[in-house]
């Protein structure tokens, strides 16, 4: 059964273009690793609010058996670690893990 997961994180205004560039040219090893660990239909959206704060909203589907275990294993990959470090340099963490998980309150297929 697929799990639907959404999360949010802040984005530094001076890093918007760098972040967009990174994701325009996602590293093939990162994309392959994401798919290998049962993540699909993964999207990230950017929104700037009237107060000037910028946030990233992500959505993904997970069809494995243990999301936390798969993510922990995927993060042992040195290429994934480097990718995450580059992305984290652009972000403003909203939780201990950076991205804060959102609670789904409605879904319609």
PDB file of N, CA and C in Angstrom:
ATOM      1  N   UNK A   1       0.831  -1.181   0.000  1.00  0.00           N
ATOM      2  CA  UNK A   1       0.000   0.000   0.000  1.00  0.00           C
ATOM      3  C   UNK A   1       0.881   1.253   0.000  1.00  0.00           C
ATOM      4  N   UNK A   2       0.588   2.169  -0.894  1.00  0.00           N
ATOM      5  CA  UNK A   2       1.375   3.396  -0.970  1.00  0.00           C
ATOM      6  C   UNK A   2       1.022   4.343   0.154  1.00  0.00           C
ATOM      7  N   UNK A   3       2.067   4.953   0.699  1.00  0.00           N
ATOM      8  CA  UNK A   3       1.898   6.031   1.658  1.00  0.00           C
ATOM      9  C   UNK A   3       2.104   7.336   0.906  1.00  0.00           C
ATOM     10  N   UNK A   4       1.292   8.333   1.232  1.00  0.00           N
ATOM     11  CA  UNK A   4       1.434   9.661   0.656  1.00  0.00           C
ATOM     12  C   UNK A   4       2.041  10.545   1.741  1.00  0.00           C
ATOM     13  N   UNK A   5       3.157  11.189   1.436  1.00  0.00           N
ATOM     14  CA  UNK A   5       3.854  12.003   2.429  1.00  0.00           C
ATOM     15  C   UNK A   5       4.108  13.398   1.872  1.00  0.00           C
ATOM     16  N   UNK A   6       3.893  14.394   2.724  1.00  0.00           N
ATOM     17  CA  UNK A   6       4.155  15.777   2.340  1.00  0.00           C
ATOM     18  C   UNK A   6       4.956  16.433   3.452  1.00  0.00           C
ATOM     19  N   UNK A   7       5.794  17.395   3.073  1.00  0.00           N
ATOM     20  CA  UNK A   7       6.603  18.089   4.060  1.00  0.00           C
ATOM     21  C   UNK A   7       6.900  19.506   3.588  1.00  0.00           C
ATOM     22  N   UNK A   8       7.453  20.302   4.499  1.00  0.00           N
ATOM     23  CA  UNK A   8       7.737  21.705   4.246  1.00  0.00           C
ATOM     24  C   UNK A   8       9.081  22.072   4.861  1.00  0.00           C
ATOM     25  N   UNK A   9       9.773  23.013   4.206  1.00  0.00           N
ATOM     26  CA  UNK A   9      11.031  23.540   4.724  1.00  0.00           C
ATOM     27  C   UNK A   9      11.185  24.963   4.194  1.00  0.00           C
ATOM     28  N   UNK A  10      11.913  25.786   4.922  1.00  0.00           N
ATOM     29  CA  UNK A  10      12.180  27.140   4.459  1.00  0.00           C
ATOM     30  C   UNK A  10      13.316  27.148   3.443  1.00  0.00           C
ATOM     31  N   UNK A  11      13.345  28.197   2.636  1.00  0.00           N
ATOM     32  CA  UNK A  11      14.403  28.357   1.634  1.00  0.00           C
ATOM     33  C   UNK A  11      14.996  29.745   1.774  1.00  0.00           C
ATOM     34  N   UNK A  12      16.313  29.831   1.834  1.00  0.00           N
ATOM     35  CA  UNK A  12      16.984  31.123   1.928  1.00  0.00           C
ATOM     36  C   UNK A  12      16.759  31.912   0.638  1.00  0.00           C
ATOM     37  N   UNK A  13      16.299  33.161   0.734  1.00  0.00           N
ATOM     38  CA  UNK A  13      16.009  33.936  -0.478  1.00  0.00           C
ATOM     39  C   UNK A  13      17.195  34.041  -1.435  1.00  0.00           C
ATOM     40  N   UNK A  14      18.378  34.165  -0.888  1.00  0.00           N
ATOM     41  CA  UNK A  14      19.568  34.303  -1.739  1.00  0.00           C
ATOM     42  C   UNK A  14      19.996  32.990  -2.389  1.00  0.00           C
ATOM     43  N   UNK A  15      19.333  31.889  -2.022  1.00  0.00           N
ATOM     44  CA  UNK A  15      19.685  30.570  -2.555  1.00  0.00           C
ATOM     45  C   UNK A  15      18.624  29.994  -3.498  1.00  0.00           C
ATOM     46  N   UNK A  16      17.595  30.773  -3.816  1.00  0.00           N
ATOM     47  CA  UNK A  16      16.501  30.261  -4.648  1.00  0.00           C
ATOM     48  C   UNK A  16      17.014  29.761  -5.988  1.00  0.00           C
ATOM     49  N   UNK A  17      17.785  30.563  -6.677  1.00  0.00           N
ATOM     50  CA  UNK A  17      18.261  30.173  -8.014  1.00  0.00           C
ATOM     51  C   UNK A  17      19.197  28.975  -7.953  1.00  0.00           C
ATOM     52  N   UNK A  18      20.047  28.910  -6.934  1.00  0.00           N
ATOM     53  CA  UNK A  18      20.933  27.755  -6.770  1.00  0.00           C
ATOM     54  C   UNK A  18      20.122  26.479  -6.554  1.00  0.00           C
ATOM     55  N   UNK A  19      19.084  26.569  -5.705  1.00  0.00           N
ATOM     56  CA  UNK A  19      18.246  25.409  -5.428  1.00  0.00           C
ATOM     57  C   UNK A  19      17.510  24.949  -6.689  1.00  0.00           C
ATOM     58  N   UNK A  20      16.972  25.902  -7.429  1.00  0.00           N
ATOM     59  CA  UNK A  20      16.283  25.557  -8.677  1.00  0.00           C
ATOM     60  C   UNK A  20      17.244  24.892  -9.662  1.00  0.00           C
ATOM     61  N   UNK A  21      18.451  25.430  -9.754  1.00  0.00           N
ATOM     62  CA  UNK A  21      19.447  24.871 -10.675  1.00  0.00           C
ATOM     63  C   UNK A  21      19.798  23.433 -10.280  1.00  0.00           C
ATOM     64  N   UNK A  22      19.985  23.198  -8.998  1.00  0.00           N
ATOM     65  CA  UNK A  22      20.272  21.839  -8.529  1.00  0.00           C
ATOM     66  C   UNK A  22      19.187  20.868  -8.986  1.00  0.00           C
ATOM     67  N   UNK A  23      17.943  21.276  -8.865  1.00  0.00           N
ATOM     68  CA  UNK A  23      16.836  20.369  -9.169  1.00  0.00           C
ATOM     69  C   UNK A  23      16.474  20.325 -10.649  1.00  0.00           C
ATOM     70  N   UNK A  24      16.981  21.261 -11.413  1.00  0.00           N
ATOM     71  CA  UNK A  24      16.822  21.191 -12.870  1.00  0.00           C
ATOM     72  C   UNK A  24      17.738  20.116 -13.432  1.00  0.00           C
ATOM     73  N   UNK A  25      18.837  19.898 -12.741  1.00  0.00           N
ATOM     74  CA  UNK A  25      19.848  18.929 -13.176  1.00  0.00           C
ATOM     75  C   UNK A  25      20.130  17.920 -12.063  1.00  0.00           C
ATOM     76  N   UNK A  26      19.077  17.252 -11.576  1.00  0.00           N
ATOM     77  CA  UNK A  26      19.264  16.296 -10.483  1.00  0.00           C
ATOM     78  C   UNK A  26      20.275  15.228 -10.902  1.00  0.00           C
ATOM     79  N   UNK A  27      21.150  14.895 -10.000  1.00  0.00           N
ATOM     80  CA  UNK A  27      22.185  13.915 -10.285  1.00  0.00           C
ATOM     81  C   UNK A  27      21.541  12.556 -10.528  1.00  0.00           C
ATOM     82  N   UNK A  28      21.948  11.857 -11.575  1.00  0.00           N
ATOM     83  CA  UNK A  28      21.344  10.549 -11.888  1.00  0.00           C
ATOM     84  C   UNK A  28      21.419   9.552 -10.730  1.00  0.00           C
ATOM     85  N   UNK A  29      22.528   9.567  -9.973  1.00  0.00           N
ATOM     86  CA  UNK A  29      22.666   8.631  -8.852  1.00  0.00           C
ATOM     87  C   UNK A  29      21.649   8.921  -7.750  1.00  0.00           C
ATOM     88  N   UNK A  30      21.308  10.207  -7.570  1.00  0.00           N
ATOM     89  CA  UNK A  30      20.329  10.587  -6.555  1.00  0.00           C
ATOM     90  C   UNK A  30      18.933  10.141  -6.996  1.00  0.00           C
ATOM     91  N   UNK A  31      18.598  10.379  -8.249  1.00  0.00           N
ATOM     92  CA  UNK A  31      17.296   9.951  -8.772  1.00  0.00           C
ATOM     93  C   UNK A  31      17.157   8.432  -8.687  1.00  0.00           C
ATOM     94  N   UNK A  32      18.198   7.718  -9.067  1.00  0.00           N
ATOM     95  CA  UNK A  32      18.155   6.247  -9.030  1.00  0.00           C
ATOM     96  C   UNK A  32      18.029   5.737  -7.598  1.00  0.00           C
ATOM     97  N   UNK A  33      18.740   6.354  -6.678  1.00  0.00           N
ATOM     98  CA  UNK A  33      18.675   5.940  -5.283  1.00  0.00           C
ATOM     99  C   UNK A  33      17.282   6.176  -4.712  1.00  0.00           C
ATOM    100  N   UNK A  34      16.691   7.305  -5.044  1.00  0.00           N
ATOM    101  CA  UNK A  34      15.342   7.613  -4.574  1.00  0.00           C
ATOM    102  C   UNK A  34      14.364   6.538  -5.031  1.00  0.00           C
ATOM    103  N   UNK A  35      14.437   6.180  -6.293  1.00  0.00           N
ATOM    104  CA  UNK A  35      13.539   5.147  -6.830  1.00  0.00           C
ATOM    105  C   UNK A  35      13.836   3.776  -6.221  1.00  0.00           C
ATOM    106  N   UNK A  36      15.108   3.477  -6.006  1.00  0.00           N
ATOM    107  CA  UNK A  36      15.493   2.179  -5.446  1.00  0.00           C
ATOM    108  C   UNK A  36      14.938   1.974  -4.038  1.00  0.00           C
ATOM    109  N   UNK A  37      14.703   3.072  -3.331  1.00  0.00           N
ATOM    110  CA  UNK A  37      14.176   2.983  -1.968  1.00  0.00           C
ATOM    111  C   UNK A  37      12.682   3.285  -1.919  1.00  0.00           C
ATOM    112  N   UNK A  38      11.990   2.921  -2.987  1.00  0.00           N
ATOM    113  CA  UNK A  38      10.523   2.877  -3.023  1.00  0.00           C
ATOM    114  C   UNK A  38       9.834   4.241  -3.009  1.00  0.00           C
ATOM    115  N   UNK A  39      10.520   5.283  -3.472  1.00  0.00           N
ATOM    116  CA  UNK A  39       9.917   6.614  -3.536  1.00  0.00           C
ATOM    117  C   UNK A  39       9.584   6.915  -4.988  1.00  0.00           C
ATOM    118  N   UNK A  40       8.343   7.357  -5.207  1.00  0.00           N
ATOM    119  CA  UNK A  40       7.899   7.714  -6.555  1.00  0.00           C
ATOM    120  C   UNK A  40       6.999   8.942  -6.469  1.00  0.00           C
ATOM    121  N   UNK A  41       6.631   9.443  -7.637  1.00  0.00           N
ATOM    122  CA  UNK A  41       5.718  10.582  -7.722  1.00  0.00           C
ATOM    123  C   UNK A  41       6.167  11.712  -6.794  1.00  0.00           C
ATOM    124  N   UNK A  42       7.456  12.029  -6.845  1.00  0.00           N
ATOM    125  CA  UNK A  42       8.072  12.990  -5.930  1.00  0.00           C
ATOM    126  C   UNK A  42       8.100  14.361  -6.594  1.00  0.00           C
ATOM    127  N   UNK A  43       7.517  15.341  -5.921  1.00  0.00           N
ATOM    128  CA  UNK A  43       7.489  16.714  -6.421  1.00  0.00           C
ATOM    129  C   UNK A  43       7.876  17.672  -5.313  1.00  0.00           C
ATOM    130  N   UNK A  44       8.510  18.789  -5.691  1.00  0.00           N
ATOM    131  CA  UNK A  44       8.808  19.870  -4.755  1.00  0.00           C
ATOM    132  C   UNK A  44       8.263  21.156  -5.374  1.00  0.00           C
ATOM    133  N   UNK A  45       7.525  21.906  -4.570  1.00  0.00           N
ATOM    134  CA  UNK A  45       6.935  23.168  -5.001  1.00  0.00           C
ATOM    135  C   UNK A  45       7.527  24.307  -4.179  1.00  0.00           C
ATOM    136  N   UNK A  46       7.685  25.465  -4.803  1.00  0.00           N
ATOM    137  CA  UNK A  46       8.239  26.644  -4.148  1.00  0.00           C
ATOM    138  C   UNK A  46       7.164  27.715  -4.079  1.00  0.00           C
ATOM    139  N   UNK A  47       7.080  28.394  -2.930  1.00  0.00           N
ATOM    140  CA  UNK A  47       6.128  29.499  -2.806  1.00  0.00           C
ATOM    141  C   UNK A  47       6.727  30.606  -1.944  1.00  0.00           C
ATOM    142  N   UNK A  48       6.623  31.846  -2.438  1.00  0.00           N
ATOM    143  CA  UNK A  48       7.028  33.012  -1.653  1.00  0.00           C
ATOM    144  C   UNK A  48       5.761  33.684  -1.137  1.00  0.00           C
ATOM    145  N   UNK A  49       5.699  33.862   0.168  1.00  0.00           N
ATOM    146  CA  UNK A  49       4.547  34.498   0.788  1.00  0.00           C
ATOM    147  C   UNK A  49       4.704  36.015   0.771  1.00  0.00           C
ATOM    148  N   UNK A  50       3.624  36.757   1.001  1.00  0.00           N
ATOM    149  CA  UNK A  50       3.699  38.226   0.961  1.00  0.00           C
ATOM    150  C   UNK A  50       4.721  38.829   1.922  1.00  0.00           C
ATOM    151  N   UNK A  51       5.029  38.132   3.013  1.00  0.00           N
ATOM    152  CA  UNK A  51       6.027  38.644   3.960  1.00  0.00           C
ATOM    153  C   UNK A  51       7.460  38.410   3.484  1.00  0.00           C
ATOM    154  N   UNK A  52       7.620  37.801   2.285  1.00  0.00           N
ATOM    155  CA  UNK A  52       8.945  37.558   1.719  1.00  0.00           C
ATOM    156  C   UNK A  52       9.551  36.215   2.088  1.00  0.00           C
ATOM    157  N   UNK A  53       8.933  35.493   3.004  1.00  0.00           N
ATOM    158  CA  UNK A  53       9.465  34.181   3.377  1.00  0.00           C
ATOM    159  C   UNK A  53       9.161  33.186   2.268  1.00  0.00           C
ATOM    160  N   UNK A  54      10.138  32.316   2.008  1.00  0.00           N
ATOM    161  CA  UNK A  54      10.031  31.343   0.922  1.00  0.00           C
ATOM    162  C   UNK A  54      10.055  29.942   1.520  1.00  0.00           C
ATOM    163  N   UNK A  55       9.129  29.115   1.034  1.00  0.00           N
ATOM    164  CA  UNK A  55       9.034  27.749   1.518  1.00  0.00           C
ATOM    165  C   UNK A  55       8.999  26.774   0.355  1.00  0.00           C
ATOM    166  N   UNK A  56       9.498  25.576   0.627  1.00  0.00           N
ATOM    167  CA  UNK A  56       9.405  24.453  -0.293  1.00  0.00           C
ATOM    168  C   UNK A  56       8.418  23.456   0.296  1.00  0.00           C
ATOM    169  N   UNK A  57       7.515  22.968  -0.541  1.00  0.00           N
ATOM    170  CA  UNK A  57       6.551  21.958  -0.155  1.00  0.00           C
ATOM    171  C   UNK A  57       6.830  20.722  -0.987  1.00  0.00           C
ATOM    172  N   UNK A  58       6.975  19.583  -0.351  1.00  0.00           N
ATOM    173  CA  UNK A  58       7.252  18.363  -1.105  1.00  0.00           C
ATOM    174  C   UNK A  58       6.113  17.366  -0.930  1.00  0.00           C
ATOM    175  N   UNK A  59       5.957  16.550  -1.949  1.00  0.00           N
ATOM    176  CA  UNK A  59       4.986  15.462  -1.925  1.00  0.00           C
ATOM    177  C   UNK A  59       5.660  14.253  -2.545  1.00  0.00           C
ATOM    178  N   UNK A  60       5.441  13.082  -1.949  1.00  0.00           N
ATOM    179  CA  UNK A  60       5.956  11.849  -2.527  1.00  0.00           C
ATOM    180  C   UNK A  60       5.061  10.694  -2.137  1.00  0.00           C
ATOM    181  N   UNK A  61       5.232   9.612  -2.873  1.00  0.00           N
ATOM    182  CA  UNK A  61       4.556   8.368  -2.541  1.00  0.00           C
ATOM    183  C   UNK A  61       5.622   7.327  -2.222  1.00  0.00           C
ATOM    184  N   UNK A  62       5.356   6.551  -1.205  1.00  0.00           N
ATOM    185  CA  UNK A  62       6.287   5.525  -0.745  1.00  0.00           C
ATOM    186  C   UNK A  62       5.555   4.191  -0.727  1.00  0.00           C
ATOM    187  N   UNK A  63       6.162   3.169  -1.376  1.00  0.00           N
ATOM    188  CA  UNK A  63       5.490   1.864  -1.414  1.00  0.00           C
ATOM    189  C   UNK A  63       6.351   0.743  -0.838  1.00  0.00           C
ATOM    190  N   UNK A  64       7.274   1.087   0.035  1.00  0.00           N
ATOM    191  CA  UNK A  64       8.072   0.074   0.720  1.00  0.00           C
ATOM    192  C   UNK A  64       7.419  -0.349   2.024  1.00  0.00           C
ATOM    193  N   UNK A  65       8.191  -1.050   2.852  1.00  0.00           N
ATOM    194  CA  UNK A  65       7.668  -1.562   4.113  1.00  0.00           C
ATOM    195  C   UNK A  65       8.040  -0.723   5.325  1.00  0.00           C
ATOM    196  N   UNK A  66       9.151   0.037   5.247  1.00  0.00           N
ATOM    197  CA  UNK A  66       9.620   0.807   6.400  1.00  0.00           C
ATOM    198  C   UNK A  66      10.296   2.083   5.898  1.00  0.00           C
ATOM    199  N   UNK A  67       9.546   3.171   5.854  1.00  0.00           N
ATOM    200  CA  UNK A  67      10.039   4.430   5.304  1.00  0.00           C
ATOM    201  C   UNK A  67      11.299   4.914   6.021  1.00  0.00           C
ATOM    202  N   UNK A  68      11.265   4.945   7.348  1.00  0.00           N
ATOM    203  CA  UNK A  68      12.404   5.443   8.111  1.00  0.00           C
ATOM    204  C   UNK A  68      13.663   4.620   7.846  1.00  0.00           C
ATOM    205  N   UNK A  69      13.508   3.306   7.789  1.00  0.00           N
ATOM    206  CA  UNK A  69      14.649   2.420   7.529  1.00  0.00           C
ATOM    207  C   UNK A  69      15.203   2.651   6.120  1.00  0.00           C
ATOM    208  N   UNK A  70      14.319   2.737   5.138  1.00  0.00           N
ATOM    209  CA  UNK A  70      14.771   2.962   3.763  1.00  0.00           C
ATOM    210  C   UNK A  70      15.482   4.308   3.621  1.00  0.00           C
ATOM    211  N   UNK A  71      14.942   5.344   4.238  1.00  0.00           N
ATOM    212  CA  UNK A  71      15.582   6.665   4.157  1.00  0.00           C
ATOM    213  C   UNK A  71      16.950   6.614   4.827  1.00  0.00           C
ATOM    214  N   UNK A  72      17.041   6.000   5.989  1.00  0.00           N
ATOM    215  CA  UNK A  72      18.327   5.899   6.699  1.00  0.00           C
ATOM    216  C   UNK A  72      19.351   5.162   5.846  1.00  0.00           C
ATOM    217  N   UNK A  73      18.937   4.084   5.197  1.00  0.00           N
ATOM    218  CA  UNK A  73      19.856   3.328   4.341  1.00  0.00           C
ATOM    219  C   UNK A  73      20.258   4.146   3.114  1.00  0.00           C
ATOM    220  N   UNK A  74      19.295   4.816   2.492  1.00  0.00           N
ATOM    221  CA  UNK A  74      19.590   5.636   1.320  1.00  0.00           C
ATOM    222  C   UNK A  74      20.605   6.735   1.676  1.00  0.00           C
ATOM    223  N   UNK A  75      20.486   7.278   2.873  1.00  0.00           N
ATOM    224  CA  UNK A  75      21.366   8.367   3.296  1.00  0.00           C
ATOM    225  C   UNK A  75      22.784   7.908   3.625  1.00  0.00           C
ATOM    226  N   UNK A  76      23.059   6.615   3.570  1.00  0.00           N
ATOM    227  CA  UNK A  76      24.438   6.148   3.746  1.00  0.00           C
ATOM    228  C   UNK A  76      25.229   6.262   2.445  1.00  0.00           C
ATOM    229  N   UNK A  77      24.534   6.495   1.331  1.00  0.00           N
ATOM    230  CA  UNK A  77      25.174   6.647   0.021  1.00  0.00           C
ATOM    231  C   UNK A  77      25.931   7.974  -0.013  1.00  0.00           C
ATOM    232  N   UNK A  78      27.245   7.969  -0.268  1.00  0.00           N
ATOM    233  CA  UNK A  78      28.035   9.206  -0.280  1.00  0.00           C
ATOM    234  C   UNK A  78      27.536  10.246  -1.291  1.00  0.00           C
ATOM    235  N   UNK A  79      27.030   9.807  -2.428  1.00  0.00           N
ATOM    236  CA  UNK A  79      26.511  10.754  -3.421  1.00  0.00           C
ATOM    237  C   UNK A  79      25.245  11.422  -2.889  1.00  0.00           C
ATOM    238  N   UNK A  80      24.368  10.659  -2.260  1.00  0.00           N
ATOM    239  CA  UNK A  80      23.154  11.208  -1.655  1.00  0.00           C
ATOM    240  C   UNK A  80      23.531  12.173  -0.533  1.00  0.00           C
ATOM    241  N   UNK A  81      24.534  11.820   0.255  1.00  0.00           N
ATOM    242  CA  UNK A  81      24.980  12.704   1.334  1.00  0.00           C
ATOM    243  C   UNK A  81      25.467  14.047   0.791  1.00  0.00           C
ATOM    244  N   UNK A  82      26.246  14.014  -0.277  1.00  0.00           N
ATOM    245  CA  UNK A  82      26.736  15.264  -0.876  1.00  0.00           C
ATOM    246  C   UNK A  82      25.577  16.083  -1.419  1.00  0.00           C
ATOM    247  N   UNK A  83      24.622  15.431  -2.088  1.00  0.00           N
ATOM    248  CA  UNK A  83      23.437  16.120  -2.614  1.00  0.00           C
ATOM    249  C   UNK A  83      22.665  16.804  -1.475  1.00  0.00           C
ATOM    250  N   UNK A  84      22.453  16.061  -0.404  1.00  0.00           N
ATOM    251  CA  UNK A  84      21.704  16.603   0.728  1.00  0.00           C
ATOM    252  C   UNK A  84      22.430  17.783   1.367  1.00  0.00           C
ATOM    253  N   UNK A  85      23.750  17.724   1.431  1.00  0.00           N
ATOM    254  CA  UNK A  85      24.519  18.836   1.981  1.00  0.00           C
ATOM    255  C   UNK A  85      24.366  20.091   1.123  1.00  0.00           C
ATOM    256  N   UNK A  86      24.401  19.922  -0.184  1.00  0.00           N
ATOM    257  CA  UNK A  86      24.223  21.067  -1.087  1.00  0.00           C
ATOM    258  C   UNK A  86      22.831  21.667  -0.943  1.00  0.00           C
ATOM    259  N   UNK A  87      21.837  20.804  -0.835  1.00  0.00           N
ATOM    260  CA  UNK A  87      20.463  21.291  -0.672  1.00  0.00           C
ATOM    261  C   UNK A  87      20.285  21.962   0.695  1.00  0.00           C
ATOM    262  N   UNK A  88      20.825  21.343   1.745  1.00  0.00           N
ATOM    263  CA  UNK A  88      20.682  21.878   3.103  1.00  0.00           C
ATOM    264  C   UNK A  88      21.293  23.268   3.232  1.00  0.00           C
ATOM    265  N   UNK A  89      22.333  23.550   2.458  1.00  0.00           N
ATOM    266  CA  UNK A  89      22.965  24.876   2.490  1.00  0.00           C
ATOM    267  C   UNK A  89      22.032  25.962   1.964  1.00  0.00           C
ATOM    268  N   UNK A  90      20.968  25.568   1.299  1.00  0.00           N
ATOM    269  CA  UNK A  90      19.990  26.509   0.744  1.00  0.00           C
ATOM    270  C   UNK A  90      18.746  26.628   1.627  1.00  0.00           C
ATOM    271  N   UNK A  91      18.608  25.745   2.579  1.00  0.00           N
ATOM    272  CA  UNK A  91      17.349  25.606   3.303  1.00  0.00           C
ATOM    273  C   UNK A  91      17.396  26.166   4.720  1.00  0.00           C
ATOM    274  N   UNK A  92      16.198  26.413   5.259  1.00  0.00           N
ATOM    275  CA  UNK A  92      16.007  26.807   6.654  1.00  0.00           C
ATOM    276  C   UNK A  92      15.219  25.674   7.310  1.00  0.00           C
ATOM    277  N   UNK A  93      15.879  24.929   8.177  1.00  0.00           N
ATOM    278  CA  UNK A  93      15.258  23.763   8.813  1.00  0.00           C
ATOM    279  C   UNK A  93      14.041  24.169   9.639  1.00  0.00           C
ATOM    280  N   UNK A  94      13.002  23.354   9.572  1.00  0.00           N
ATOM    281  CA  UNK A  94      11.792  23.577  10.355  1.00  0.00           C
ATOM    282  C   UNK A  94      11.564  22.469  11.377  1.00  0.00           C
ATOM    283  N   UNK A  95      12.480  21.513  11.435  1.00  0.00           N
ATOM    284  CA  UNK A  95      12.409  20.427  12.419  1.00  0.00           C
ATOM    285  C   UNK A  95      13.831  19.908  12.628  1.00  0.00           C
ATOM    286  N   UNK A  96      13.971  18.953  13.520  1.00  0.00           N
ATOM    287  CA  UNK A  96      15.284  18.349  13.756  1.00  0.00           C
ATOM    288  C   UNK A  96      15.829  17.674  12.504  1.00  0.00           C
ATOM    289  N   UNK A  97      14.945  17.259  11.608  1.00  0.00           N
ATOM    290  CA  UNK A  97      15.342  16.579  10.382  1.00  0.00           C
ATOM    291  C   UNK A  97      15.336  17.516   9.185  1.00  0.00           C
ATOM    292  N   UNK A  98      15.148  18.808   9.426  1.00  0.00           N
ATOM    293  CA  UNK A  98      15.104  19.778   8.338  1.00  0.00           C
ATOM    294  C   UNK A  98      13.691  19.992   7.852  1.00  0.00           C
ATOM    295  N   UNK A  99      13.195  19.018   7.092  1.00  0.00           N
ATOM    296  CA  UNK A  99      11.830  19.079   6.571  1.00  0.00           C
ATOM    297  C   UNK A  99      10.845  18.718   7.682  1.00  0.00           C
ATOM    298  N   UNK A 100       9.793  19.511   7.853  1.00  0.00           N
ATOM    299  CA  UNK A 100       8.730  19.193   8.807  1.00  0.00           C
ATOM    300  C   UNK A 100       7.631  18.443   8.059  1.00  0.00           C
ATOM    301  N   UNK A 101       7.168  17.357   8.639  1.00  0.00           N
ATOM    302  CA  UNK A 101       6.124  16.551   8.007  1.00  0.00           C
ATOM    303  C   UNK A 101       4.775  17.252   8.137  1.00  0.00           C
ATOM    304  N   UNK A 102       4.001  17.214   7.061  1.00  0.00           N
ATOM    305  CA  UNK A 102       2.660  17.784   7.051  1.00  0.00           C
ATOM    306  C   UNK A 102       1.638  16.681   7.286  1.00  0.00           C
ATOM    307  N   UNK A 103       0.520  17.028   7.870  1.00  0.00           N
ATOM    308  CA  UNK A 103      -0.544  16.085   8.151  1.00  0.00           C
ATOM    309  C   UNK A 103      -1.611  16.216   7.069  1.00  0.00           C
ATOM    310  N   UNK A 104      -1.923  15.115   6.425  1.00  0.00           N
ATOM    311  CA  UNK A 104      -2.962  15.130   5.416  1.00  0.00           C
ATOM    312  C   UNK A 104      -4.321  15.215   6.094  1.00  0.00           C
ATOM    313  N   UNK A 105      -5.121  16.197   5.691  1.00  0.00           N
ATOM    314  CA  UNK A 105      -6.452  16.345   6.276  1.00  0.00           C
ATOM    315  C   UNK A 105      -7.557  16.065   5.252  1.00  0.00           C
ATOM    316  N   UNK A 106      -7.166  15.914   3.975  1.00  0.00           N
ATOM    317  CA  UNK A 106      -8.153  15.595   2.960  1.00  0.00           C
ATOM    318  C   UNK A 106      -7.445  14.997   1.756  1.00  0.00           C
ATOM    319  N   UNK A 107      -8.092  14.015   1.151  1.00  0.00           N
ATOM    320  CA  UNK A 107      -7.579  13.405  -0.091  1.00  0.00           C
ATOM    321  C   UNK A 107      -8.759  12.929  -0.904  1.00  0.00           C
ATOM    322  N   UNK A 108      -8.701  13.208  -2.219  1.00  0.00           N
ATOM    323  CA  UNK A 108      -9.743  12.763  -3.130  1.00  0.00           C
ATOM    324  C   UNK A 108      -9.068  12.171  -4.352  1.00  0.00           C
ATOM    325  N   UNK A 109      -9.342  10.926  -4.662  1.00  0.00           N
ATOM    326  CA  UNK A 109      -8.824  10.293  -5.882  1.00  0.00           C
ATOM    327  C   UNK A 109      -9.738  10.614  -7.034  1.00  0.00           C
TER     328      UNK A 109
END
